[in-house]
Amino acid sequence: MPHGAGGYENVNRSNPTDRLARIEPTYSAREAAVLLGRSYSWLDQRVRNDQLVLPDGTVVRPLRTAGGYRRFTLAMLEDIALSSYRNHWFSMGHLKSTYRQLLVAAHRDTGEYKIPS
C-alpha cells in the first residue's frame, strides 16, 4: 500500500517528503521494486551507485523520509523504467509491462488514468 493512500498517523507535517506524500502517493523501495518487476537488491544497487539517469544527465534520486527511508513517486518510477530501458536493463516488453503496472497503480492510488508528473 503506498504511503500516500493510507492514514497519516506517523506523518511529520513539517517534513517536505511527508507533505508530498499527502498530495501524491509515494512507494517504499520494496514497493517500487515490485512495480518495476525487479528485486529490492536490483533497485538498491542502482540507486546507491547513481546509475538511474535522465537523458539530460540528472540522476534520479528518491525522496527521503525524516527517518532516512527512500520513497518513490510514480513519476520517478517512470523515469527509472525509461533509464533502465536506455541502459538495456529492460527489454521493450519489460518496459511495456512496467508501464502497465505503473498505470494500474496510478489509477488505484489517484483515480487518474495517467502517471502524475
PDB file of N, CA and C in Angstrom:
ATOM      1  N   MET A   1       0.846  -1.175   0.000  1.00  0.00           N
ATOM      2  CA  MET A   1       0.000   0.000   0.000  1.00  0.00           C
ATOM      3  C   MET A   1       0.890   1.236   0.000  1.00  0.00           C
ATOM      4  N   PRO A   2       0.698   2.153  -0.906  1.00  0.00           N
ATOM      5  CA  PRO A   2       1.535   3.339  -0.960  1.00  0.00           C
ATOM      6  C   PRO A   2       1.330   4.211   0.264  1.00  0.00           C
ATOM      7  N   HIS A   3       2.348   4.929   0.620  1.00  0.00           N
ATOM      8  CA  HIS A   3       2.343   5.796   1.783  1.00  0.00           C
ATOM      9  C   HIS A   3       1.229   6.822   1.713  1.00  0.00           C
ATOM     10  N   GLY A   4       1.020   7.430   0.565  1.00  0.00           N
ATOM     11  CA  GLY A   4       0.049   8.496   0.432  1.00  0.00           C
ATOM     12  C   GLY A   4      -1.387   8.032   0.428  1.00  0.00           C
ATOM     13  N   ALA A   5      -1.638   6.743   0.304  1.00  0.00           N
ATOM     14  CA  ALA A   5      -3.007   6.261   0.191  1.00  0.00           C
ATOM     15  C   ALA A   5      -3.610   5.913   1.547  1.00  0.00           C
ATOM     16  N   GLY A   6      -2.794   5.752   2.556  1.00  0.00           N
ATOM     17  CA  GLY A   6      -3.299   5.331   3.855  1.00  0.00           C
ATOM     18  C   GLY A   6      -3.481   6.493   4.814  1.00  0.00           C
ATOM     19  N   GLY A   7      -3.500   6.167   6.120  1.00  0.00           N
ATOM     20  CA  GLY A   7      -3.640   7.187   7.146  1.00  0.00           C
ATOM     21  C   GLY A   7      -2.346   7.951   7.348  1.00  0.00           C
ATOM     22  N   TYR A   8      -2.431   8.995   8.157  1.00  0.00           N
ATOM     23  CA  TYR A   8      -1.265   9.853   8.350  1.00  0.00           C
ATOM     24  C   TYR A   8      -0.873   9.952   9.808  1.00  0.00           C
ATOM     25  N   GLU A   9      -1.112   8.891  10.564  1.00  0.00           N
ATOM     26  CA  GLU A   9      -0.809   8.941  11.980  1.00  0.00           C
ATOM     27  C   GLU A   9       0.676   9.138  12.263  1.00  0.00           C
ATOM     28  N   ASN A  10       1.559   8.713  11.355  1.00  0.00           N
ATOM     29  CA  ASN A  10       3.001   8.845  11.565  1.00  0.00           C
ATOM     30  C   ASN A  10       3.627   9.923  10.688  1.00  0.00           C
ATOM     31  N   VAL A  11       2.814  10.789  10.112  1.00  0.00           N
ATOM     32  CA  VAL A  11       3.322  11.802   9.196  1.00  0.00           C
ATOM     33  C   VAL A  11       3.842  12.995   9.980  1.00  0.00           C
ATOM     34  N   ASN A  12       5.055  13.423   9.638  1.00  0.00           N
ATOM     35  CA  ASN A  12       5.641  14.633  10.191  1.00  0.00           C
ATOM     36  C   ASN A  12       5.281  15.765   9.239  1.00  0.00           C
ATOM     37  N   ARG A  13       4.339  16.598   9.609  1.00  0.00           N
ATOM     38  CA  ARG A  13       3.803  17.601   8.702  1.00  0.00           C
ATOM     39  C   ARG A  13       4.828  18.679   8.312  1.00  0.00           C
ATOM     40  N   SER A  14       5.918  18.798   9.046  1.00  0.00           N
ATOM     41  CA  SER A  14       6.934  19.784   8.679  1.00  0.00           C
ATOM     42  C   SER A  14       7.963  19.211   7.699  1.00  0.00           C
ATOM     43  N   ASN A  15       7.937  17.913   7.492  1.00  0.00           N
ATOM     44  CA  ASN A  15       8.878  17.266   6.583  1.00  0.00           C
ATOM     45  C   ASN A  15       8.345  17.356   5.158  1.00  0.00           C
ATOM     46  N   PRO A  16       9.134  17.910   4.212  1.00  0.00           N
ATOM     47  CA  PRO A  16       8.656  18.047   2.825  1.00  0.00           C
ATOM     48  C   PRO A  16       8.247  16.719   2.187  1.00  0.00           C
ATOM     49  N   THR A  17       8.944  15.627   2.502  1.00  0.00           N
ATOM     50  CA  THR A  17       8.582  14.328   1.943  1.00  0.00           C
ATOM     51  C   THR A  17       7.197  13.921   2.424  1.00  0.00           C
ATOM     52  N   ASP A  18       6.923  14.128   3.710  1.00  0.00           N
ATOM     53  CA  ASP A  18       5.619  13.770   4.249  1.00  0.00           C
ATOM     54  C   ASP A  18       4.520  14.668   3.687  1.00  0.00           C
ATOM     55  N   ARG A  19       4.815  15.945   3.454  1.00  0.00           N
ATOM     56  CA  ARG A  19       3.818  16.836   2.845  1.00  0.00           C
ATOM     57  C   ARG A  19       3.505  16.371   1.429  1.00  0.00           C
ATOM     58  N   LEU A  20       4.527  15.988   0.657  1.00  0.00           N
ATOM     59  CA  LEU A  20       4.319  15.492  -0.701  1.00  0.00           C
ATOM     60  C   LEU A  20       3.494  14.206  -0.667  1.00  0.00           C
ATOM     61  N   ALA A  21       3.745  13.354   0.311  1.00  0.00           N
ATOM     62  CA  ALA A  21       3.030  12.082   0.401  1.00  0.00           C
ATOM     63  C   ALA A  21       1.537  12.299   0.602  1.00  0.00           C
ATOM     64  N   ARG A  22       1.143  13.425   1.205  1.00  0.00           N
ATOM     65  CA  ARG A  22      -0.281  13.704   1.366  1.00  0.00           C
ATOM     66  C   ARG A  22      -0.888  14.174   0.055  1.00  0.00           C
ATOM     67  N   ILE A  23      -0.070  14.658  -0.874  1.00  0.00           N
ATOM     68  CA  ILE A  23      -0.558  15.162  -2.145  1.00  0.00           C
ATOM     69  C   ILE A  23      -0.565  14.061  -3.195  1.00  0.00           C
ATOM     70  N   GLU A  24       0.515  13.307  -3.292  1.00  0.00           N
ATOM     71  CA  GLU A  24       0.590  12.223  -4.259  1.00  0.00           C
ATOM     72  C   GLU A  24       1.186  11.004  -3.580  1.00  0.00           C
ATOM     73  N   PRO A  25       0.748   9.830  -3.992  1.00  0.00           N
ATOM     74  CA  PRO A  25       1.251   8.622  -3.332  1.00  0.00           C
ATOM     75  C   PRO A  25       2.743   8.423  -3.579  1.00  0.00           C
ATOM     76  N   THR A  26       3.405   7.892  -2.575  1.00  0.00           N
ATOM     77  CA  THR A  26       4.802   7.507  -2.704  1.00  0.00           C
ATOM     78  C   THR A  26       4.911   6.043  -2.307  1.00  0.00           C
ATOM     79  N   TYR A  27       5.978   5.415  -2.757  1.00  0.00           N
ATOM     80  CA  TYR A  27       6.159   3.985  -2.564  1.00  0.00           C
ATOM     81  C   TYR A  27       7.508   3.721  -1.934  1.00  0.00           C
ATOM     82  N   SER A  28       7.554   2.758  -1.030  1.00  0.00           N
ATOM     83  CA  SER A  28       8.826   2.357  -0.425  1.00  0.00           C
ATOM     84  C   SER A  28       9.705   1.723  -1.500  1.00  0.00           C
ATOM     85  N   ALA A  29      10.962   1.525  -1.171  1.00  0.00           N
ATOM     86  CA  ALA A  29      11.879   0.894  -2.123  1.00  0.00           C
ATOM     87  C   ALA A  29      11.403  -0.522  -2.462  1.00  0.00           C
ATOM     88  N   ARG A  30      10.879  -1.237  -1.508  1.00  0.00           N
ATOM     89  CA  ARG A  30      10.375  -2.595  -1.773  1.00  0.00           C
ATOM     90  C   ARG A  30       9.145  -2.552  -2.677  1.00  0.00           C
ATOM     91  N   GLU A  31       8.224  -1.631  -2.415  1.00  0.00           N
ATOM     92  CA  GLU A  31       7.040  -1.482  -3.269  1.00  0.00           C
ATOM     93  C   GLU A  31       7.449  -1.051  -4.677  1.00  0.00           C
ATOM     94  N   ALA A  32       8.409  -0.136  -4.758  1.00  0.00           N
ATOM     95  CA  ALA A  32       8.890   0.347  -6.061  1.00  0.00           C
ATOM     96  C   ALA A  32       9.497  -0.797  -6.860  1.00  0.00           C
ATOM     97  N   ALA A  33      10.284  -1.638  -6.201  1.00  0.00           N
ATOM     98  CA  ALA A  33      10.911  -2.771  -6.889  1.00  0.00           C
ATOM     99  C   ALA A  33       9.845  -3.700  -7.463  1.00  0.00           C
ATOM    100  N   VAL A  34       8.782  -3.937  -6.722  1.00  0.00           N
ATOM    101  CA  VAL A  34       7.696  -4.794  -7.210  1.00  0.00           C
ATOM    102  C   VAL A  34       7.049  -4.160  -8.435  1.00  0.00           C
ATOM    103  N   LEU A  35       6.756  -2.852  -8.370  1.00  0.00           N
ATOM    104  CA  LEU A  35       6.144  -2.169  -9.514  1.00  0.00           C
ATOM    105  C   LEU A  35       7.052  -2.209 -10.740  1.00  0.00           C
ATOM    106  N   LEU A  36       8.362  -2.191 -10.522  1.00  0.00           N
ATOM    107  CA  LEU A  36       9.325  -2.239 -11.628  1.00  0.00           C
ATOM    108  C   LEU A  36       9.611  -3.664 -12.097  1.00  0.00           C
ATOM    109  N   GLY A  37       9.098  -4.646 -11.371  1.00  0.00           N
ATOM    110  CA  GLY A  37       9.336  -6.038 -11.753  1.00  0.00           C
ATOM    111  C   GLY A  37      10.760  -6.486 -11.489  1.00  0.00           C
ATOM    112  N   ARG A  38      11.392  -5.895 -10.518  1.00  0.00           N
ATOM    113  CA  ARG A  38      12.766  -6.233 -10.164  1.00  0.00           C
ATOM    114  C   ARG A  38      12.859  -6.472  -8.661  1.00  0.00           C
ATOM    115  N   SER A  39      14.000  -6.954  -8.217  1.00  0.00           N
ATOM    116  CA  SER A  39      14.195  -7.205  -6.789  1.00  0.00           C
ATOM    117  C   SER A  39      14.574  -5.900  -6.075  1.00  0.00           C
ATOM    118  N   TYR A  40      14.391  -5.912  -4.771  1.00  0.00           N
ATOM    119  CA  TYR A  40      14.815  -4.783  -3.952  1.00  0.00           C
ATOM    120  C   TYR A  40      16.311  -4.551  -4.137  1.00  0.00           C
ATOM    121  N   SER A  41      17.084  -5.631  -4.169  1.00  0.00           N
ATOM    122  CA  SER A  41      18.536  -5.532  -4.317  1.00  0.00           C
ATOM    123  C   SER A  41      18.913  -4.850  -5.636  1.00  0.00           C
ATOM    124  N   TRP A  42      18.222  -5.214  -6.718  1.00  0.00           N
ATOM    125  CA  TRP A  42      18.480  -4.608  -8.033  1.00  0.00           C
ATOM    126  C   TRP A  42      18.291  -3.097  -7.970  1.00  0.00           C
ATOM    127  N   LEU A  43      17.160  -2.664  -7.397  1.00  0.00           N
ATOM    128  CA  LEU A  43      16.875  -1.235  -7.295  1.00  0.00           C
ATOM    129  C   LEU A  43      17.857  -0.547  -6.349  1.00  0.00           C
ATOM    130  N   ASP A  44      18.113  -1.157  -5.212  1.00  0.00           N
ATOM    131  CA  ASP A  44      19.020  -0.582  -4.215  1.00  0.00           C
ATOM    132  C   ASP A  44      20.407  -0.339  -4.798  1.00  0.00           C
ATOM    133  N   GLN A  45      20.943  -1.307  -5.532  1.00  0.00           N
ATOM    134  CA  GLN A  45      22.283  -1.155  -6.124  1.00  0.00           C
ATOM    135  C   GLN A  45      22.336   0.029  -7.087  1.00  0.00           C
ATOM    136  N   ARG A  46      21.342   0.138  -7.938  1.00  0.00           N
ATOM    137  CA  ARG A  46      21.347   1.207  -8.942  1.00  0.00           C
ATOM    138  C   ARG A  46      21.146   2.584  -8.327  1.00  0.00           C
ATOM    139  N   VAL A  47      20.315   2.652  -7.275  1.00  0.00           N
ATOM    140  CA  VAL A  47      20.121   3.936  -6.589  1.00  0.00           C
ATOM    141  C   VAL A  47      21.411   4.333  -5.876  1.00  0.00           C
ATOM    142  N   ARG A  48      22.010   3.405  -5.157  1.00  0.00           N
ATOM    143  CA  ARG A  48      23.248   3.703  -4.410  1.00  0.00           C
ATOM    144  C   ARG A  48      24.394   4.115  -5.323  1.00  0.00           C
ATOM    145  N   ASN A  49      24.441   3.549  -6.523  1.00  0.00           N
ATOM    146  CA  ASN A  49      25.534   3.836  -7.462  1.00  0.00           C
ATOM    147  C   ASN A  49      25.197   4.937  -8.461  1.00  0.00           C
ATOM    148  N   ASP A  50      24.069   5.650  -8.230  1.00  0.00           N
ATOM    149  CA  ASP A  50      23.644   6.754  -9.114  1.00  0.00           C
ATOM    150  C   ASP A  50      23.606   6.329 -10.582  1.00  0.00           C
ATOM    151  N   GLN A  51      23.107   5.121 -10.842  1.00  0.00           N
ATOM    152  CA  GLN A  51      23.056   4.597 -12.209  1.00  0.00           C
ATOM    153  C   GLN A  51      21.762   4.934 -12.937  1.00  0.00           C
ATOM    154  N   LEU A  52      20.773   5.452 -12.227  1.00  0.00           N
ATOM    155  CA  LEU A  52      19.478   5.760 -12.834  1.00  0.00           C
ATOM    156  C   LEU A  52      19.493   7.230 -13.237  1.00  0.00           C
ATOM    157  N   VAL A  53      19.665   7.463 -14.542  1.00  0.00           N
ATOM    158  CA  VAL A  53      19.946   8.809 -15.040  1.00  0.00           C
ATOM    159  C   VAL A  53      18.944   9.195 -16.126  1.00  0.00           C
ATOM    160  N   LEU A  54      18.498  10.448 -16.076  1.00  0.00           N
ATOM    161  CA  LEU A  54      17.633  11.006 -17.113  1.00  0.00           C
ATOM    162  C   LEU A  54      18.472  11.312 -18.352  1.00  0.00           C
ATOM    163  N   PRO A  55      17.836  11.505 -19.507  1.00  0.00           N
ATOM    164  CA  PRO A  55      18.598  11.817 -20.726  1.00  0.00           C
ATOM    165  C   PRO A  55      19.499  13.053 -20.596  1.00  0.00           C
ATOM    166  N   ASP A  56      19.106  14.005 -19.729  1.00  0.00           N
ATOM    167  CA  ASP A  56      19.922  15.218 -19.572  1.00  0.00           C
ATOM    168  C   ASP A  56      21.078  15.037 -18.587  1.00  0.00           C
ATOM    169  N   GLY A  57      21.220  13.813 -18.039  1.00  0.00           N
ATOM    170  CA  GLY A  57      22.318  13.532 -17.120  1.00  0.00           C
ATOM    171  C   GLY A  57      21.954  13.654 -15.651  1.00  0.00           C
ATOM    172  N   THR A  58      20.748  14.125 -15.346  1.00  0.00           N
ATOM    173  CA  THR A  58      20.301  14.242 -13.958  1.00  0.00           C
ATOM    174  C   THR A  58      20.074  12.853 -13.372  1.00  0.00           C
ATOM    175  N   VAL A  59      20.605  12.635 -12.185  1.00  0.00           N
ATOM    176  CA  VAL A  59      20.430  11.350 -11.505  1.00  0.00           C
ATOM    177  C   VAL A  59      19.055  11.328 -10.838  1.00  0.00           C
ATOM    178  N   VAL A  60      18.331  10.224 -11.005  1.00  0.00           N
ATOM    179  CA  VAL A  60      17.041  10.053 -10.337  1.00  0.00           C
ATOM    180  C   VAL A  60      17.330   9.664  -8.891  1.00  0.00           C
ATOM    181  N   ARG A  61      16.915  10.516  -7.963  1.00  0.00           N
ATOM    182  CA  ARG A  61      17.141  10.264  -6.537  1.00  0.00           C
ATOM    183  C   ARG A  61      15.793  10.231  -5.830  1.00  0.00           C
ATOM    184  N   PRO A  62      15.558   9.210  -5.026  1.00  0.00           N
ATOM    185  CA  PRO A  62      14.285   9.133  -4.310  1.00  0.00           C
ATOM    186  C   PRO A  62      14.180  10.198  -3.230  1.00  0.00           C
ATOM    187  N   LEU A  63      12.966  10.452  -2.814  1.00  0.00           N
ATOM    188  CA  LEU A  63      12.727  11.310  -1.659  1.00  0.00           C
ATOM    189  C   LEU A  63      13.202  10.562  -0.424  1.00  0.00           C
ATOM    190  N   ARG A  64      13.426  11.283   0.659  1.00  0.00           N
ATOM    191  CA  ARG A  64      13.812  10.647   1.922  1.00  0.00           C
ATOM    192  C   ARG A  64      12.851  11.094   3.011  1.00  0.00           C
ATOM    193  N   THR A  65      12.449  10.144   3.833  1.00  0.00           N
ATOM    194  CA  THR A  65      11.620  10.484   4.982  1.00  0.00           C
ATOM    195  C   THR A  65      12.523  11.045   6.072  1.00  0.00           C
ATOM    196  N   ALA A  66      11.918  11.549   7.139  1.00  0.00           N
ATOM    197  CA  ALA A  66      12.700  12.059   8.268  1.00  0.00           C
ATOM    198  C   ALA A  66      13.586  10.957   8.847  1.00  0.00           C
ATOM    199  N   GLY A  67      13.148   9.708   8.740  1.00  0.00           N
ATOM    200  CA  GLY A  67      13.930   8.571   9.239  1.00  0.00           C
ATOM    201  C   GLY A  67      14.957   8.051   8.249  1.00  0.00           C
ATOM    202  N   GLY A  68      15.041   8.681   7.054  1.00  0.00           N
ATOM    203  CA  GLY A  68      16.030   8.291   6.065  1.00  0.00           C
ATOM    204  C   GLY A  68      15.572   7.229   5.077  1.00  0.00           C
ATOM    205  N   TYR A  69      14.314   6.820   5.171  1.00  0.00           N
ATOM    206  CA  TYR A  69      13.805   5.813   4.239  1.00  0.00           C
ATOM    207  C   TYR A  69      13.534   6.429   2.876  1.00  0.00           C
ATOM    208  N   ARG A  70      13.788   5.649   1.834  1.00  0.00           N
ATOM    209  CA  ARG A  70      13.572   6.128   0.471  1.00  0.00           C
ATOM    210  C   ARG A  70      12.110   5.977   0.081  1.00  0.00           C
ATOM    211  N   ARG A  71      11.590   6.998  -0.619  1.00  0.00           N
ATOM    212  CA  ARG A  71      10.225   6.979  -1.143  1.00  0.00           C
ATOM    213  C   ARG A  71      10.288   7.385  -2.609  1.00  0.00           C
ATOM    214  N   PHE A  72       9.502   6.720  -3.439  1.00  0.00           N
ATOM    215  CA  PHE A  72       9.484   6.970  -4.876  1.00  0.00           C
ATOM    216  C   PHE A  72       8.092   7.399  -5.306  1.00  0.00           C
ATOM    217  N   THR A  73       8.016   8.419  -6.152  1.00  0.00           N
ATOM    218  CA  THR A  73       6.744   8.806  -6.757  1.00  0.00           C
ATOM    219  C   THR A  73       6.559   7.988  -8.037  1.00  0.00           C
ATOM    220  N   LEU A  74       5.348   8.002  -8.573  1.00  0.00           N
ATOM    221  CA  LEU A  74       5.106   7.316  -9.842  1.00  0.00           C
ATOM    222  C   LEU A  74       5.943   7.917 -10.962  1.00  0.00           C
ATOM    223  N   ALA A  75       6.097   9.245 -10.955  1.00  0.00           N
ATOM    224  CA  ALA A  75       6.921   9.890 -11.987  1.00  0.00           C
ATOM    225  C   ALA A  75       8.371   9.419 -11.894  1.00  0.00           C
ATOM    226  N   MET A  76       8.895   9.256 -10.682  1.00  0.00           N
ATOM    227  CA  MET A  76      10.257   8.745 -10.515  1.00  0.00           C
ATOM    228  C   MET A  76      10.370   7.323 -11.046  1.00  0.00           C
ATOM    229  N   LEU A  77       9.340   6.513 -10.782  1.00  0.00           N
ATOM    230  CA  LEU A  77       9.370   5.130 -11.257  1.00  0.00           C
ATOM    231  C   LEU A  77       9.312   5.074 -12.775  1.00  0.00           C
ATOM    232  N   GLU A  78       8.577   5.994 -13.385  1.00  0.00           N
ATOM    233  CA  GLU A  78       8.565   6.078 -14.850  1.00  0.00           C
ATOM    234  C   GLU A  78       9.959   6.430 -15.365  1.00  0.00           C
ATOM    235  N   ASP A  79      10.603   7.407 -14.720  1.00  0.00           N
ATOM    236  CA  ASP A  79      11.967   7.790 -15.113  1.00  0.00           C
ATOM    237  C   ASP A  79      12.940   6.622 -14.951  1.00  0.00           C
ATOM    238  N   ILE A  80      12.776   5.860 -13.876  1.00  0.00           N
ATOM    239  CA  ILE A  80      13.648   4.705 -13.640  1.00  0.00           C
ATOM    240  C   ILE A  80      13.431   3.649 -14.723  1.00  0.00           C
ATOM    241  N   ALA A  81      12.178   3.411 -15.089  1.00  0.00           N
ATOM    242  CA  ALA A  81      11.881   2.426 -16.137  1.00  0.00           C
ATOM    243  C   ALA A  81      12.513   2.844 -17.463  1.00  0.00           C
ATOM    244  N   LEU A  82      12.384   4.117 -17.814  1.00  0.00           N
ATOM    245  CA  LEU A  82      12.963   4.601 -19.069  1.00  0.00           C
ATOM    246  C   LEU A  82      14.492   4.538 -19.040  1.00  0.00           C
ATOM    247  N   SER A  83      15.088   4.899 -17.913  1.00  0.00           N
ATOM    248  CA  SER A  83      16.541   4.808 -17.770  1.00  0.00           C
ATOM    249  C   SER A  83      16.993   3.356 -17.902  1.00  0.00           C
ATOM    250  N   SER A  84      16.221   2.455 -17.320  1.00  0.00           N
ATOM    251  CA  SER A  84      16.555   1.032 -17.382  1.00  0.00           C
ATOM    252  C   SER A  84      16.477   0.510 -18.813  1.00  0.00           C
ATOM    253  N   TYR A  85      15.516   1.014 -19.572  1.00  0.00           N
ATOM    254  CA  TYR A  85      15.417   0.622 -20.977  1.00  0.00           C
ATOM    255  C   TYR A  85      16.620   1.166 -21.760  1.00  0.00           C
ATOM    256  N   ARG A  86      16.950   2.436 -21.540  1.00  0.00           N
ATOM    257  CA  ARG A  86      18.086   3.036 -22.249  1.00  0.00           C
ATOM    258  C   ARG A  86      19.395   2.319 -21.933  1.00  0.00           C
ATOM    259  N   ASN A  87      19.515   1.785 -20.717  1.00  0.00           N
ATOM    260  CA  ASN A  87      20.731   1.076 -20.303  1.00  0.00           C
ATOM    261  C   ASN A  87      20.671  -0.422 -20.616  1.00  0.00           C
ATOM    262  N   HIS A  88      19.625  -0.846 -21.314  1.00  0.00           N
ATOM    263  CA  HIS A  88      19.449  -2.248 -21.713  1.00  0.00           C
ATOM    264  C   HIS A  88      19.242  -3.190 -20.539  1.00  0.00           C
ATOM    265  N   TRP A  89      18.754  -2.652 -19.407  1.00  0.00           N
ATOM    266  CA  TRP A  89      18.393  -3.499 -18.271  1.00  0.00           C
ATOM    267  C   TRP A  89      16.958  -3.990 -18.429  1.00  0.00           C
ATOM    268  N   PHE A  90      16.143  -3.254 -19.207  1.00  0.00           N
ATOM    269  CA  PHE A  90      14.768  -3.644 -19.510  1.00  0.00           C
ATOM    270  C   PHE A  90      14.665  -3.861 -21.011  1.00  0.00           C
ATOM    271  N   SER A  91      13.963  -4.906 -21.399  1.00  0.00           N
ATOM    272  CA  SER A  91      13.604  -5.086 -22.809  1.00  0.00           C
ATOM    273  C   SER A  91      12.385  -4.195 -23.093  1.00  0.00           C
ATOM    274  N   MET A  92      12.019  -4.055 -24.356  1.00  0.00           N
ATOM    275  CA  MET A  92      10.813  -3.297 -24.695  1.00  0.00           C
ATOM    276  C   MET A  92       9.590  -3.952 -24.052  1.00  0.00           C
ATOM    277  N   GLY A  93       9.543  -5.279 -24.054  1.00  0.00           N
ATOM    278  CA  GLY A  93       8.432  -5.990 -23.422  1.00  0.00           C
ATOM    279  C   GLY A  93       8.351  -5.710 -21.931  1.00  0.00           C
ATOM    280  N   HIS A  94       9.498  -5.694 -21.261  1.00  0.00           N
ATOM    281  CA  HIS A  94       9.510  -5.404 -19.822  1.00  0.00           C
ATOM    282  C   HIS A  94       9.106  -3.953 -19.572  1.00  0.00           C
ATOM    283  N   LEU A  95       9.554  -3.043 -20.423  1.00  0.00           N
ATOM    284  CA  LEU A  95       9.178  -1.631 -20.282  1.00  0.00           C
ATOM    285  C   LEU A  95       7.662  -1.475 -20.405  1.00  0.00           C
ATOM    286  N   LYS A  96       7.055  -2.126 -21.398  1.00  0.00           N
ATOM    287  CA  LYS A  96       5.602  -2.047 -21.573  1.00  0.00           C
ATOM    288  C   LYS A  96       4.870  -2.633 -20.370  1.00  0.00           C
ATOM    289  N   SER A  97       5.358  -3.754 -19.870  1.00  0.00           N
ATOM    290  CA  SER A  97       4.757  -4.379 -18.693  1.00  0.00           C
ATOM    291  C   SER A  97       4.850  -3.457 -17.478  1.00  0.00           C
ATOM    292  N   THR A  98       6.000  -2.807 -17.324  1.00  0.00           N
ATOM    293  CA  THR A  98       6.194  -1.881 -16.208  1.00  0.00           C
ATOM    294  C   THR A  98       5.240  -0.698 -16.329  1.00  0.00           C
ATOM    295  N   TYR A  99       5.073  -0.171 -17.536  1.00  0.00           N
ATOM    296  CA  TYR A  99       4.126   0.927 -17.735  1.00  0.00           C
ATOM    297  C   TYR A  99       2.717   0.500 -17.337  1.00  0.00           C
ATOM    298  N   ARG A 100       2.329  -0.717 -17.693  1.00  0.00           N
ATOM    299  CA  ARG A 100       1.004  -1.199 -17.293  1.00  0.00           C
ATOM    300  C   ARG A 100       0.884  -1.214 -15.776  1.00  0.00           C
ATOM    301  N   GLN A 101       1.910  -1.720 -15.096  1.00  0.00           N
ATOM    302  CA  GLN A 101       1.901  -1.753 -13.627  1.00  0.00           C
ATOM    303  C   GLN A 101       1.783  -0.346 -13.042  1.00  0.00           C
ATOM    304  N   LEU A 102       2.542   0.592 -13.599  1.00  0.00           N
ATOM    305  CA  LEU A 102       2.511   1.967 -13.089  1.00  0.00           C
ATOM    306  C   LEU A 102       1.163   2.625 -13.352  1.00  0.00           C
ATOM    307  N   LEU A 103       0.574   2.363 -14.512  1.00  0.00           N
ATOM    308  CA  LEU A 103      -0.739   2.934 -14.813  1.00  0.00           C
ATOM    309  C   LEU A 103      -1.824   2.364 -13.913  1.00  0.00           C
ATOM    310  N   VAL A 104      -1.754   1.071 -13.624  1.00  0.00           N
ATOM    311  CA  VAL A 104      -2.708   0.462 -12.693  1.00  0.00           C
ATOM    312  C   VAL A 104      -2.539   1.090 -11.310  1.00  0.00           C
ATOM    313  N   ALA A 105      -1.303   1.255 -10.862  1.00  0.00           N
ATOM    314  CA  ALA A 105      -1.040   1.877  -9.554  1.00  0.00           C
ATOM    315  C   ALA A 105      -1.529   3.317  -9.538  1.00  0.00           C
ATOM    316  N   ALA A 106      -1.304   4.042 -10.627  1.00  0.00           N
ATOM    317  CA  ALA A 106      -1.751   5.437 -10.704  1.00  0.00           C
ATOM    318  C   ALA A 106      -3.266   5.507 -10.584  1.00  0.00           C
ATOM    319  N   HIS A 107      -3.963   4.655 -11.299  1.00  0.00           N
ATOM    320  CA  HIS A 107      -5.424   4.676 -11.242  1.00  0.00           C
ATOM    321  C   HIS A 107      -5.912   4.263  -9.851  1.00  0.00           C
ATOM    322  N   ARG A 108      -5.321   3.221  -9.297  1.00  0.00           N
ATOM    323  CA  ARG A 108      -5.721   2.731  -7.973  1.00  0.00           C
ATOM    324  C   ARG A 108      -5.499   3.787  -6.894  1.00  0.00           C
ATOM    325  N   ASP A 109      -4.353   4.475  -6.974  1.00  0.00           N
ATOM    326  CA  ASP A 109      -3.960   5.358  -5.877  1.00  0.00           C
ATOM    327  C   ASP A 109      -4.332   6.827  -6.087  1.00  0.00           C
ATOM    328  N   THR A 110      -4.652   7.211  -7.316  1.00  0.00           N
ATOM    329  CA  THR A 110      -5.004   8.618  -7.578  1.00  0.00           C
ATOM    330  C   THR A 110      -6.321   8.779  -8.297  1.00  0.00           C
ATOM    331  N   GLY A 111      -6.827   7.710  -8.900  1.00  0.00           N
ATOM    332  CA  GLY A 111      -8.042   7.802  -9.700  1.00  0.00           C
ATOM    333  C   GLY A 111      -7.795   8.317 -11.106  1.00  0.00           C
ATOM    334  N   GLU A 112      -6.542   8.585 -11.434  1.00  0.00           N
ATOM    335  CA  GLU A 112      -6.177   9.093 -12.752  1.00  0.00           C
ATOM    336  C   GLU A 112      -5.818   7.941 -13.684  1.00  0.00           C
ATOM    337  N   TYR A 113      -5.948   8.190 -14.974  1.00  0.00           N
ATOM    338  CA  TYR A 113      -5.552   7.203 -15.968  1.00  0.00           C
ATOM    339  C   TYR A 113      -4.214   7.554 -16.595  1.00  0.00           C
ATOM    340  N   LYS A 114      -3.381   8.291 -15.863  1.00  0.00           N
ATOM    341  CA  LYS A 114      -2.052   8.641 -16.348  1.00  0.00           C
ATOM    342  C   LYS A 114      -1.118   8.693 -15.150  1.00  0.00           C
ATOM    343  N   ILE A 115       0.165   8.633 -15.436  1.00  0.00           N
ATOM    344  CA  ILE A 115       1.174   8.725 -14.394  1.00  0.00           C
ATOM    345  C   ILE A 115       1.370  10.197 -14.068  1.00  0.00           C
ATOM    346  N   PRO A 116       1.146  10.611 -12.806  1.00  0.00           N
ATOM    347  CA  PRO A 116       1.339  12.022 -12.463  1.00  0.00           C
ATOM    348  C   PRO A 116       2.782  12.445 -12.698  1.00  0.00           C
ATOM    349  N   SER A 117       2.971  13.657 -13.222  1.00  0.00           N
ATOM    350  CA  SER A 117       4.349  14.130 -13.456  1.00  0.00           C
ATOM    351  C   SER A 117       4.764  15.100 -12.380  1.00  0.00           C
TER     352      SER A 117
END
